[in-house]
Amino acid sequence: MQKQFKTKKEKQKYFSNLLNKGLCDSLKNKRLDDYNDFIELFKNHPDYPNKLEEVVDICIVKNKLNNKAFELNLIKKDGTYDDISYIICISKRNPYYDLNVALRNAIKNQILDFKNTIKKYECEFCGSNKEIQIDHEILFKKLTTEFLKTEQKIPNLFTKNYSNETKFRQEDKNFENRWFEYHKNNSKLRQLCKKCNLTRSKKI
């Protein structure tokens, strides 16, 4: 059950205290309650559910820029690590957050189908086989913006799936199907390593 807090300051202090308990190579095995609390918090991340995809554990390590501080790292199924900020997860949500998450969830099977066709994980830009991510050649934001221009009524109420992820309601199934087909016909997926994905142009 998700913890309730009266203020953002109280919530931030709580998670700051969890982080500053110190180094831990596996919250799931050594501090399960803390692990569960962080997982619930991370569902508020702006890039959720992508951020938590294939996450199997969380560890606490020394901050890369400040050796006296700690940072949270997500441990992925393939053994790679991805840093995450608990503060970002506490910040106020973008009003289009739920819509964006529902749009991403609606095309998740297309992403999985693409991953299943990959025979060799390799970054399209630099050739690296480390921390490979699936990237939209045309920015996902541009795809959704162009699609939404064609819709007269955009859903603003949502429901949750079995994993507690935001998805479209049954009443908006036709809207979801139109988006699914639009994405299928207009998107182009590719493999990029994390570094290249983060530094790619955001204008396309």
Protein backbone atom coordinates (compact mmCIF):
# COMPACT_ATOMS: atom_id res chain seq x y z
CA MET A 1 0.00 0.00 0.00
CA GLN A 2 1.36 3.41 -0.98
CA LYS A 3 2.30 5.65 1.93
CA GLN A 4 0.40 8.88 2.39
CA PHE A 5 2.10 12.22 3.09
CA LYS A 6 0.60 15.55 4.10
CA THR A 7 3.12 17.65 2.18
CA LYS A 8 5.77 17.26 -0.52
CA LYS A 9 8.38 18.33 2.04
CA GLU A 10 7.38 15.48 4.34
CA LYS A 11 7.48 13.03 1.43
CA GLN A 12 10.88 14.24 0.27
CA LYS A 13 12.31 13.94 3.80
CA TYR A 14 11.02 10.38 4.12
CA PHE A 15 12.68 9.20 0.91
CA SER A 16 15.82 11.20 1.61
CA ASN A 17 16.15 9.29 4.89
CA LEU A 18 15.73 5.97 3.05
CA LEU A 19 18.44 6.91 0.57
CA ASN A 20 20.83 8.11 3.26
CA LYS A 21 20.70 4.88 5.22
CA GLY A 22 23.78 4.17 3.13
CA LEU A 23 25.23 1.84 0.50
CA CYS A 24 23.21 -1.22 -0.42
CA ASP A 25 23.80 -3.59 -3.33
CA SER A 26 20.25 -5.00 -3.21
CA LEU A 27 17.28 -3.26 -1.61
CA LYS A 28 15.05 -6.12 -2.71
CA ASN A 29 17.03 -8.69 -0.71
CA LYS A 30 18.25 -6.58 2.21
CA ARG A 31 15.65 -3.81 2.68
CA LEU A 32 12.46 -5.08 1.09
CA ASP A 33 10.13 -2.47 2.66
CA ASP A 34 12.38 0.34 1.34
CA TYR A 35 12.47 -1.35 -2.06
CA ASN A 36 8.66 -1.49 -2.24
CA ASP A 37 8.34 2.16 -1.16
CA PHE A 38 10.77 3.30 -3.85
CA ILE A 39 9.06 1.22 -6.56
CA GLU A 40 5.73 2.86 -5.73
CA LEU A 41 7.35 6.29 -5.80
CA PHE A 42 9.06 5.62 -9.14
CA LYS A 43 5.66 5.08 -10.76
CA ASN A 44 5.41 8.89 -10.65
CA HIS A 45 8.51 9.33 -12.80
CA PRO A 46 7.85 11.37 -15.99
CA ASP A 47 9.19 8.49 -18.10
CA TYR A 48 7.18 5.76 -16.35
CA PRO A 49 6.58 2.94 -17.30
CA ASN A 50 9.63 2.93 -19.61
CA LYS A 51 11.92 3.86 -16.73
CA LEU A 52 10.99 0.71 -14.81
CA GLU A 53 11.03 -1.67 -17.77
CA GLU A 54 12.82 -4.93 -16.88
CA VAL A 55 13.89 -3.58 -13.46
CA VAL A 56 14.62 -6.44 -11.04
CA ASP A 57 16.23 -4.60 -8.12
CA ILE A 58 17.45 -1.25 -6.77
CA CYS A 59 20.84 -0.43 -5.29
CA ILE A 60 22.30 2.60 -3.52
CA VAL A 61 25.76 3.71 -4.63
CA LYS A 62 28.06 6.69 -4.20
CA ASN A 63 27.00 9.69 -6.27
CA LYS A 64 29.14 10.00 -9.39
CA LEU A 65 29.65 13.76 -8.93
CA ASN A 66 29.73 13.98 -5.12
CA ASN A 67 31.49 11.14 -3.36
CA LYS A 68 29.92 12.13 -0.03
CA ALA A 69 26.38 11.69 -1.34
CA PHE A 70 24.34 8.67 -2.41
CA GLU A 71 22.26 7.94 -5.50
CA LEU A 72 19.71 5.33 -6.51
CA ASN A 73 20.39 2.94 -9.38
CA LEU A 74 17.86 0.66 -11.03
CA ILE A 75 19.21 -2.81 -11.77
CA LYS A 76 17.90 -4.20 -15.06
CA LYS A 77 17.25 -7.81 -16.03
CA ASP A 78 20.31 -7.80 -18.33
CA GLY A 79 22.59 -6.66 -15.47
CA THR A 80 22.86 -3.02 -16.53
CA TYR A 81 22.28 -0.05 -14.22
CA ASP A 82 20.25 3.12 -14.70
CA ASP A 83 20.28 6.05 -12.25
CA ILE A 84 16.99 7.57 -11.10
CA SER A 85 16.11 10.64 -9.04
CA TYR A 86 13.52 10.28 -6.29
CA ILE A 87 13.12 14.08 -6.24
CA ILE A 88 11.86 14.14 -9.84
CA CYS A 89 9.24 11.57 -8.83
CA ILE A 90 7.94 13.90 -6.11
CA SER A 91 7.74 16.98 -8.34
CA LYS A 92 4.38 18.11 -9.69
CA ARG A 93 3.12 16.05 -12.62
CA ASN A 94 2.71 17.48 -16.06
CA PRO A 95 -1.07 17.73 -16.76
CA TYR A 96 -0.56 15.51 -19.83
CA TYR A 97 1.36 12.88 -17.85
CA ASP A 98 -1.45 10.29 -17.66
CA LEU A 99 -2.29 10.72 -21.35
CA ASN A 100 1.36 10.24 -22.30
CA VAL A 101 1.68 7.10 -20.17
CA ALA A 102 -1.54 5.67 -21.65
CA LEU A 103 -0.26 6.38 -25.18
CA ARG A 104 3.01 4.59 -24.42
CA ASN A 105 1.25 1.62 -22.86
CA ALA A 106 -1.07 1.32 -25.84
CA ILE A 107 1.86 0.63 -28.19
CA LYS A 108 3.95 -1.43 -25.78
CA ASN A 109 3.31 -4.62 -27.76
CA GLN A 110 4.76 -2.97 -30.88
CA ILE A 111 7.95 -2.23 -28.93
CA LEU A 112 8.10 -5.81 -27.66
CA ASP A 113 7.52 -7.18 -31.18
CA PHE A 114 10.42 -5.06 -32.44
CA LYS A 115 12.69 -6.29 -29.63
CA ASN A 116 11.81 -9.89 -30.50
CA THR A 117 13.08 -9.34 -34.06
CA ILE A 118 16.51 -8.21 -32.85
CA LYS A 119 19.18 -10.84 -33.47
CA LYS A 120 22.11 -8.73 -32.30
CA TYR A 121 21.95 -5.85 -29.84
CA GLU A 122 24.00 -3.02 -31.34
CA CYS A 123 23.71 0.78 -31.20
CA GLU A 124 22.86 2.20 -34.62
CA PHE A 125 25.06 5.25 -33.98
CA CYS A 126 28.24 3.97 -32.30
CA GLY A 127 28.03 0.18 -32.54
CA SER A 128 28.11 -0.37 -28.77
CA ASN A 129 26.25 -3.41 -27.38
CA LYS A 130 25.95 -1.97 -23.85
CA GLU A 131 22.79 -0.47 -22.30
CA ILE A 132 20.79 -0.83 -25.53
CA GLN A 133 17.45 1.01 -25.59
CA ILE A 134 14.65 1.06 -28.15
CA ASP A 135 14.38 4.55 -29.61
CA HIS A 136 11.84 6.27 -31.85
CA GLU A 137 13.67 7.70 -34.89
CA ILE A 138 10.88 10.27 -35.10
CA LEU A 139 10.50 11.55 -31.55
CA PHE A 140 7.62 9.97 -29.65
CA LYS A 141 6.51 13.46 -28.63
CA LYS A 142 6.29 14.52 -32.30
CA LEU A 143 4.29 11.39 -33.18
CA THR A 144 1.78 11.96 -30.39
CA THR A 145 1.49 15.68 -31.17
CA GLU A 146 0.71 15.02 -34.84
CA PHE A 147 -1.75 12.25 -33.98
CA LEU A 148 -3.62 14.34 -31.40
CA LYS A 149 -4.09 17.09 -34.00
CA THR A 150 -6.30 14.66 -35.94
CA GLU A 151 -8.54 13.89 -32.95
CA GLN A 152 -11.53 15.99 -31.99
CA LYS A 153 -12.01 14.45 -28.53
CA ILE A 154 -8.97 13.50 -26.45
CA PRO A 155 -9.48 11.31 -23.35
CA ASN A 156 -8.82 12.93 -19.97
CA LEU A 157 -9.98 10.09 -17.73
CA PHE A 158 -8.03 6.85 -17.41
CA THR A 159 -7.92 3.54 -15.59
CA LYS A 160 -5.19 1.14 -14.44
CA ASN A 161 -4.04 -2.25 -15.71
CA TYR A 162 -3.05 -5.26 -13.59
CA SER A 163 0.39 -3.69 -13.02
CA ASN A 164 -1.17 -0.43 -11.78
CA GLU A 165 -0.09 1.38 -14.95
CA THR A 166 -2.26 4.06 -16.54
CA LYS A 167 -4.20 2.94 -19.59
CA PHE A 168 -7.19 4.02 -21.66
CA ARG A 169 -10.70 3.15 -20.49
CA GLN A 170 -12.88 0.76 -22.47
CA GLU A 171 -14.98 3.77 -23.52
CA ASP A 172 -11.94 5.13 -25.36
CA LYS A 173 -11.00 1.88 -27.08
CA ASN A 174 -11.63 3.32 -30.55
CA PHE A 175 -9.30 6.23 -29.78
CA GLU A 176 -6.67 3.77 -28.55
CA ASN A 177 -7.03 1.63 -31.70
CA ARG A 178 -6.61 4.66 -33.95
CA TRP A 179 -3.44 5.62 -32.07
CA PHE A 180 -2.15 2.03 -32.28
CA GLU A 181 -2.54 2.04 -36.07
CA TYR A 182 -1.11 5.55 -36.43
CA HIS A 183 1.99 4.57 -34.47
CA LYS A 184 2.34 1.33 -36.41
CA ASN A 185 2.21 3.16 -39.74
CA ASN A 186 4.26 6.25 -38.90
CA SER A 187 6.89 5.29 -36.35
CA LYS A 188 10.30 3.81 -37.02
CA LEU A 189 12.09 2.03 -34.18
CA ARG A 190 15.82 1.48 -33.81
CA GLN A 191 18.48 0.42 -31.30
CA LEU A 192 20.56 3.04 -29.51
CA CYS A 193 22.82 2.76 -26.49
CA LYS A 194 21.81 4.85 -23.50
CA LYS A 195 24.52 7.47 -24.12
CA CYS A 196 23.57 8.02 -27.78
CA ASN A 197 19.88 8.03 -26.93
CA LEU A 198 20.36 10.74 -24.30
CA THR A 199 22.49 12.92 -26.60
CA ARG A 200 20.53 12.50 -29.83
CA SER A 201 18.89 15.50 -31.47
CA LYS A 202 15.52 16.38 -29.93
CA LYS A 203 14.36 18.30 -33.00
CA ILE A 204 13.30 15.36 -35.21
